[in-house]
C-alpha atoms as a PDB file:
ATOM      1  CA  MET A   1     113.694  79.097 112.088  1.00  0.00           C
ATOM      2  CA  VAL A   2     114.792  75.833 110.668  1.00  0.00           C
ATOM      3  CA  ASN A   3     114.001  77.019 107.108  1.00  0.00           C
ATOM      4  CA  LEU A   4     116.149  80.174 107.728  1.00  0.00           C
ATOM      5  CA  ILE A   5     119.144  78.223 108.917  1.00  0.00           C
ATOM      6  CA  ASN A   6     118.891  75.816 106.036  1.00  0.00           C
ATOM      7  CA  SER A   7     118.760  78.667 103.708  1.00  0.00           C
ATOM      8  CA  LEU A   8     121.797  80.254 105.200  1.00  0.00           C
ATOM      9  CA  LEU A   9     123.639  76.899 105.106  1.00  0.00           C
ATOM     10  CA  TYR A  10     122.779  76.464 101.593  1.00  0.00           C
ATOM     11  CA  LEU A  11     123.775  79.977 100.627  1.00  0.00           C
ATOM     12  CA  ALA A  12     127.142  79.531 102.410  1.00  0.00           C
ATOM     13  CA  SER A  13     127.853  76.068 100.700  1.00  0.00           C
ATOM     14  CA  SER A  14     126.859  77.607  97.430  1.00  0.00           C
ATOM     15  CA  GLU A  15     129.772  80.000  97.696  1.00  0.00           C
ATOM     16  CA  GLU A  16     132.191  77.554  98.783  1.00  0.00           C
ATOM     17  CA  ASP A  17     131.330  74.271  97.057  1.00  0.00           C
ATOM     18  CA  ALA A  18     132.857  73.304  93.529  1.00  0.00           C
ATOM     19  CA  LEU A  19     130.042  73.050  90.944  1.00  0.00           C
ATOM     20  CA  ARG A  20     129.518  69.686  89.376  1.00  0.00           C
ATOM     21  CA  SER A  21     129.402  70.714  85.653  1.00  0.00           C
ATOM     22  CA  ASN A  22     127.165  68.597  83.634  1.00  0.00           C
ATOM     23  CA  LYS A  23     124.921  69.099  80.682  1.00  0.00           C
ATOM     24  CA  VAL A  24     121.628  70.277  82.104  1.00  0.00           C
ATOM     25  CA  SER A  25     118.309  70.525  80.581  1.00  0.00           C
ATOM     26  CA  LEU A  26     116.716  73.728  81.387  1.00  0.00           C
ATOM     27  CA  ARG A  27     113.427  72.761  79.894  1.00  0.00           C
ATOM     28  CA  LYS A  28     113.396  69.501  81.942  1.00  0.00           C
ATOM     29  CA  ILE A  29     114.139  71.373  85.227  1.00  0.00           C
ATOM     30  CA  ALA A  30     111.486  73.905  84.369  1.00  0.00           C
ATOM     31  CA  MET A  31     108.849  71.009  83.543  1.00  0.00           C
ATOM     32  CA  ASP A  32     109.640  69.093  86.786  1.00  0.00           C
ATOM     33  CA  LEU A  33     109.225  72.446  88.795  1.00  0.00           C
ATOM     34  CA  VAL A  34     106.045  73.264  87.264  1.00  0.00           C
ATOM     35  CA  LYS A  35     104.567  69.954  88.158  1.00  0.00           C
ATOM     36  CA  SER A  36     105.865  70.310  91.796  1.00  0.00           C
ATOM     37  CA  HIS A  37     104.669  73.966  92.303  1.00  0.00           C
ATOM     38  CA  LEU A  38     100.979  73.480  92.259  1.00  0.00           C
ATOM     39  CA  ALA A  39      99.499  76.611  93.565  1.00  0.00           C
ATOM     40  CA  PRO A  40      95.729  76.551  94.420  1.00  0.00           C
ATOM     41  CA  GLY A  41      93.975  79.620  92.872  1.00  0.00           C
ATOM     42  CA  ARG A  42      96.902  80.441  90.659  1.00  0.00           C
ATOM     43  CA  MET A  43      97.792  79.120  87.013  1.00  0.00           C
ATOM     44  CA  VAL A  44     101.452  77.951  86.764  1.00  0.00           C
ATOM     45  CA  VAL A  45     102.200  77.188  83.210  1.00  0.00           C
ATOM     46  CA  LEU A  46     105.216  76.461  81.079  1.00  0.00           C
ATOM     47  CA  GLU A  47     105.231  77.867  77.631  1.00  0.00           C
ATOM     48  CA  ASP A  48     106.466  75.290  75.273  1.00  0.00           C
ATOM     49  CA  GLY A  49     109.781  75.809  73.752  1.00  0.00           C
ATOM     50  CA  LEU A  50     113.014  74.326  72.321  1.00  0.00           C
ATOM     51  CA  PRO A  51     115.145  72.119  74.515  1.00  0.00           C
ATOM     52  CA  VAL A  52     117.970  74.183  76.019  1.00  0.00           C
ATOM     53  CA  ILE A  53     121.091  72.493  77.261  1.00  0.00           C
ATOM     54  CA  ALA A  54     123.246  74.650  79.820  1.00  0.00           C
ATOM     55  CA  ALA A  55     126.451  73.763  81.476  1.00  0.00           C
ATOM     56  CA  GLY A  56     126.197  73.331  85.173  1.00  0.00           C
ATOM     57  CA  ASP A  57     125.273  71.631  88.443  1.00  0.00           C
ATOM     58  CA  SER A  58     121.552  70.701  87.896  1.00  0.00           C
ATOM     59  CA  GLY A  59     120.761  70.574  91.659  1.00  0.00           C
ATOM     60  CA  LYS A  60     121.773  74.119  92.181  1.00  0.00           C
ATOM     61  CA  ILE A  61     120.163  75.530  88.991  1.00  0.00           C
ATOM     62  CA  GLU A  62     116.895  73.661  90.225  1.00  0.00           C
ATOM     63  CA  THR A  63     117.220  75.351  93.371  1.00  0.00           C
ATOM     64  CA  ALA A  64     117.648  78.882  91.746  1.00  0.00           C
ATOM     65  CA  VAL A  65     114.525  78.207  89.307  1.00  0.00           C
ATOM     66  CA  SER A  66     112.595  76.820  92.310  1.00  0.00           C
ATOM     67  CA  ASN A  67     113.175  79.897  94.407  1.00  0.00           C
ATOM     68  CA  LEU A  68     111.912  82.274  91.591  1.00  0.00           C
ATOM     69  CA  ILE A  69     108.856  80.143  91.110  1.00  0.00           C
ATOM     70  CA  ASP A  70     108.155  80.163  95.017  1.00  0.00           C
ATOM     71  CA  ASN A  71     108.474  83.920  95.238  1.00  0.00           C
ATOM     72  CA  SER A  72     105.895  84.323  92.133  1.00  0.00           C
ATOM     73  CA  VAL A  73     103.597  81.938  93.960  1.00  0.00           C
ATOM     74  CA  LYS A  74     103.733  83.884  97.000  1.00  0.00           C
ATOM     75  CA  TYR A  75     103.343  87.341  95.489  1.00  0.00           C
ATOM     76  CA  THR A  76     100.607  86.425  93.011  1.00  0.00           C
ATOM     77  CA  ARG A  77      97.019  87.100  94.014  1.00  0.00           C
ATOM     78  CA  GLU A  78      94.439  84.133  93.837  1.00  0.00           C
ATOM     79  CA  GLY A  79      93.400  83.818  90.180  1.00  0.00           C
ATOM     80  CA  GLY A  80      96.671  85.119  88.839  1.00  0.00           C
ATOM     81  CA  LYS A  81      99.066  83.504  86.396  1.00  0.00           C
ATOM     82  CA  ILE A  82     102.678  82.636  86.566  1.00  0.00           C
ATOM     83  CA  THR A  83     104.441  81.745  83.265  1.00  0.00           C
ATOM     84  CA  ILE A  84     107.844  80.134  82.829  1.00  0.00           C
ATOM     85  CA  ARG A  85     109.744  80.129  79.614  1.00  0.00           C
ATOM     86  CA  VAL A  86     112.914  78.650  78.525  1.00  0.00           C
ATOM     87  CA  GLY A  87     114.867  79.865  75.733  1.00  0.00           C
ATOM     88  CA  LYS A  88     118.425  80.806  74.506  1.00  0.00           C
ATOM     89  CA  THR A  89     120.449  83.647  73.291  1.00  0.00           C
ATOM     90  CA  ASP A  90     123.667  83.172  71.266  1.00  0.00           C
ATOM     91  CA  CYS A  91     125.777  82.136  74.378  1.00  0.00           C
ATOM     92  CA  TYR A  92     123.255  81.539  77.123  1.00  0.00           C
ATOM     93  CA  GLY A  93     120.302  79.283  78.107  1.00  0.00           C
ATOM     94  CA  THR A  94     117.502  81.459  79.673  1.00  0.00           C
ATOM     95  CA  VAL A  95     114.862  80.733  82.224  1.00  0.00           C
ATOM     96  CA  GLU A  96     112.134  83.457  82.676  1.00  0.00           C
ATOM     97  CA  VAL A  97     109.557  83.462  85.405  1.00  0.00           C
ATOM     98  CA  THR A  98     106.718  86.142  84.959  1.00  0.00           C
ATOM     99  CA  ASP A  99     103.799  86.796  87.185  1.00  0.00           C
ATOM    100  CA  ASP A 100     101.016  89.236  87.325  1.00  0.00           C
ATOM    101  CA  GLY A 101     101.273  89.664  91.093  1.00  0.00           C
ATOM    102  CA  ILE A 102     101.865  92.550  93.321  1.00  0.00           C
ATOM    103  CA  GLY A 103     105.139  93.519  91.668  1.00  0.00           C
ATOM    104  CA  ILE A 104     108.099  95.284  93.205  1.00  0.00           C
ATOM    105  CA  PRO A 105     108.302  99.098  93.656  1.00  0.00           C
ATOM    106  CA  PRO A 106     110.993 100.764  91.463  1.00  0.00           C
ATOM    107  CA  GLU A 107     113.043 102.004  94.400  1.00  0.00           C
ATOM    108  CA  ASP A 108     113.383  98.414  95.761  1.00  0.00           C
ATOM    109  CA  LEU A 109     114.213  96.725  92.594  1.00  0.00           C
ATOM    110  CA  PRO A 110     117.934  97.272  92.536  1.00  0.00           C
ATOM    111  CA  HIS A 111     118.078  95.711  95.989  1.00  0.00           C
ATOM    112  CA  VAL A 112     116.126  92.622  95.649  1.00  0.00           C
ATOM    113  CA  PHE A 113     119.179  90.423  95.218  1.00  0.00           C
ATOM    114  CA  GLU A 114     120.889  91.651  98.445  1.00  0.00           C
ATOM    115  CA  ARG A 115     120.856  89.338 101.499  1.00  0.00           C
ATOM    116  CA  PHE A 116     117.883  89.926 103.890  1.00  0.00           C
ATOM    117  CA  TYR A 117     116.397  92.540 101.674  1.00  0.00           C
ATOM    118  CA  ARG A 118     112.704  92.537 101.999  1.00  0.00           C
ATOM    119  CA  SER A 119     110.869  94.946  99.746  1.00  0.00           C
ATOM    120  CA  ASP A 120     107.561  95.365 101.826  1.00  0.00           C
ATOM    121  CA  LYS A 121     108.227  94.620 105.403  1.00  0.00           C
ATOM    122  CA  ALA A 122     104.549  94.041 106.270  1.00  0.00           C
ATOM    123  CA  ARG A 123     103.916  91.763 103.320  1.00  0.00           C
ATOM    124  CA  SER A 124     106.962  89.871 103.939  1.00  0.00           C
ATOM    125  CA  ARG A 125     105.796  89.041 107.378  1.00  0.00           C
ATOM    126  CA  SER A 126     102.578  87.630 106.145  1.00  0.00           C
ATOM    127  CA  THR A 127     104.098  85.517 103.409  1.00  0.00           C
ATOM    128  CA  GLY A 128     107.114  84.236 105.271  1.00  0.00           C
ATOM    129  CA  GLY A 129     110.735  83.988 104.031  1.00  0.00           C
ATOM    130  CA  ALA A 130     113.917  85.689 105.292  1.00  0.00           C
ATOM    131  CA  GLY A 131     114.934  87.621 102.323  1.00  0.00           C
ATOM    132  CA  ILE A 132     117.600  85.312 101.220  1.00  0.00           C
ATOM    133  CA  GLY A 133     115.982  83.391  98.397  1.00  0.00           C
ATOM    134  CA  LEU A 134     116.873  85.804  95.714  1.00  0.00           C
ATOM    135  CA  SER A 135     120.528  86.156  96.966  1.00  0.00           C
ATOM    136  CA  ILE A 136     120.562  82.412  96.592  1.00  0.00           C
ATOM    137  CA  VAL A 137     119.447  82.714  92.957  1.00  0.00           C
ATOM    138  CA  LYS A 138     121.974  85.395  92.333  1.00  0.00           C
ATOM    139  CA  SER A 139     124.823  83.419  94.014  1.00  0.00           C
ATOM    140  CA  VAL A 140     124.012  80.133  92.011  1.00  0.00           C
ATOM    141  CA  VAL A 141     123.678  81.891  88.546  1.00  0.00           C
ATOM    142  CA  GLU A 142     126.762  83.796  89.154  1.00  0.00           C
ATOM    143  CA  ALA A 143     128.768  80.732  90.244  1.00  0.00           C
ATOM    144  CA  HIS A 144     127.884  79.337  86.926  1.00  0.00           C
ATOM    145  CA  GLY A 145     129.198  82.441  85.129  1.00  0.00           C
ATOM    146  CA  GLY A 146     125.606  83.665  84.331  1.00  0.00           C
ATOM    147  CA  ARG A 147     123.603  86.595  85.424  1.00  0.00           C
ATOM    148  CA  VAL A 148     120.122  87.373  86.816  1.00  0.00           C
ATOM    149  CA  GLU A 149     117.793  90.106  85.912  1.00  0.00           C
ATOM    150  CA  ALA A 150     114.484  91.587  87.375  1.00  0.00           C
ATOM    151  CA  GLU A 151     111.850  94.006  85.923  1.00  0.00           C
ATOM    152  CA  SER A 152     108.663  95.062  87.549  1.00  0.00           C
ATOM    153  CA  THR A 153     105.678  97.012  87.218  1.00  0.00           C
ATOM    154  CA  PRO A 154     103.757  97.169  90.412  1.00  0.00           C
ATOM    155  CA  ASN A 155     100.237  95.454  90.092  1.00  0.00           C
ATOM    156  CA  VAL A 156     100.950  94.580  86.665  1.00  0.00           C
ATOM    157  CA  ARG A 157     103.995  92.192  86.088  1.00  0.00           C
ATOM    158  CA  THR A 158     107.239  91.033  87.512  1.00  0.00           C
ATOM    159  CA  THR A 159     109.857  89.083  85.432  1.00  0.00           C
ATOM    160  CA  PHE A 160     113.035  87.417  86.657  1.00  0.00           C
ATOM    161  CA  ARG A 161     115.442  86.174  84.050  1.00  0.00           C
ATOM    162  CA  ILE A 162     118.375  84.181  84.476  1.00  0.00           C
ATOM    163  CA  TYR A 163     121.250  83.390  81.867  1.00  0.00           C
ATOM    164  CA  LEU A 164     123.331  80.395  82.201  1.00  0.00           C
ATOM    165  CA  PRO A 165     125.957  79.543  79.817  1.00  0.00           C
ATOM    166  CA  LEU A 166     125.020  77.030  77.156  1.00  0.00           C
ATOM    167  CA  ALA A 167     126.736  73.627  77.348  1.00  0.00           C
ATOM    168  CA  SER A 168     129.576  73.073  74.614  1.00  0.00           C
ATOM    169  CA  THR A 169     128.330  71.127  71.731  1.00  0.00           C
ATOM    170  CA  ALA A 170     131.938  69.626  71.196  1.00  0.00           C
ATOM    171  CA  GLY A 171     133.033  66.483  72.928  1.00  0.00           C
END
């Protein structure tokens, strides 16, 4: 219950608080989170990539990426692999979290970012959570002027990808 209340408070504050906009190293955030998300029986790896600097609030971005990794750990079977990639497009820094876990059914995929939505009710009860982690991810990313995507093939692979505006090189 405490975790649910804290998550709801965080979601509410994410929507109301002004963002502290700084230059944020997406690679450093990913590296720190990989170190802190040790998952017995699962391999969590960061594919080496170029440093990418986004504009935003590092604490909120870290929370969003952490939620994605937490979900991958919860829904990846023992012996599975979770891969984090940091990259960039012309205008955005990207963080991608891919796992080879249970996946998300196609009919549920359009709803995963809705508050309190839980894809498989029976599995959700056994893994915990209240169905707001991905809505927090979406709220944080959109508050930064970015977007989030999900794609999944059940029992094969699930990928969540966030796009955050790159920091200006001027100034």
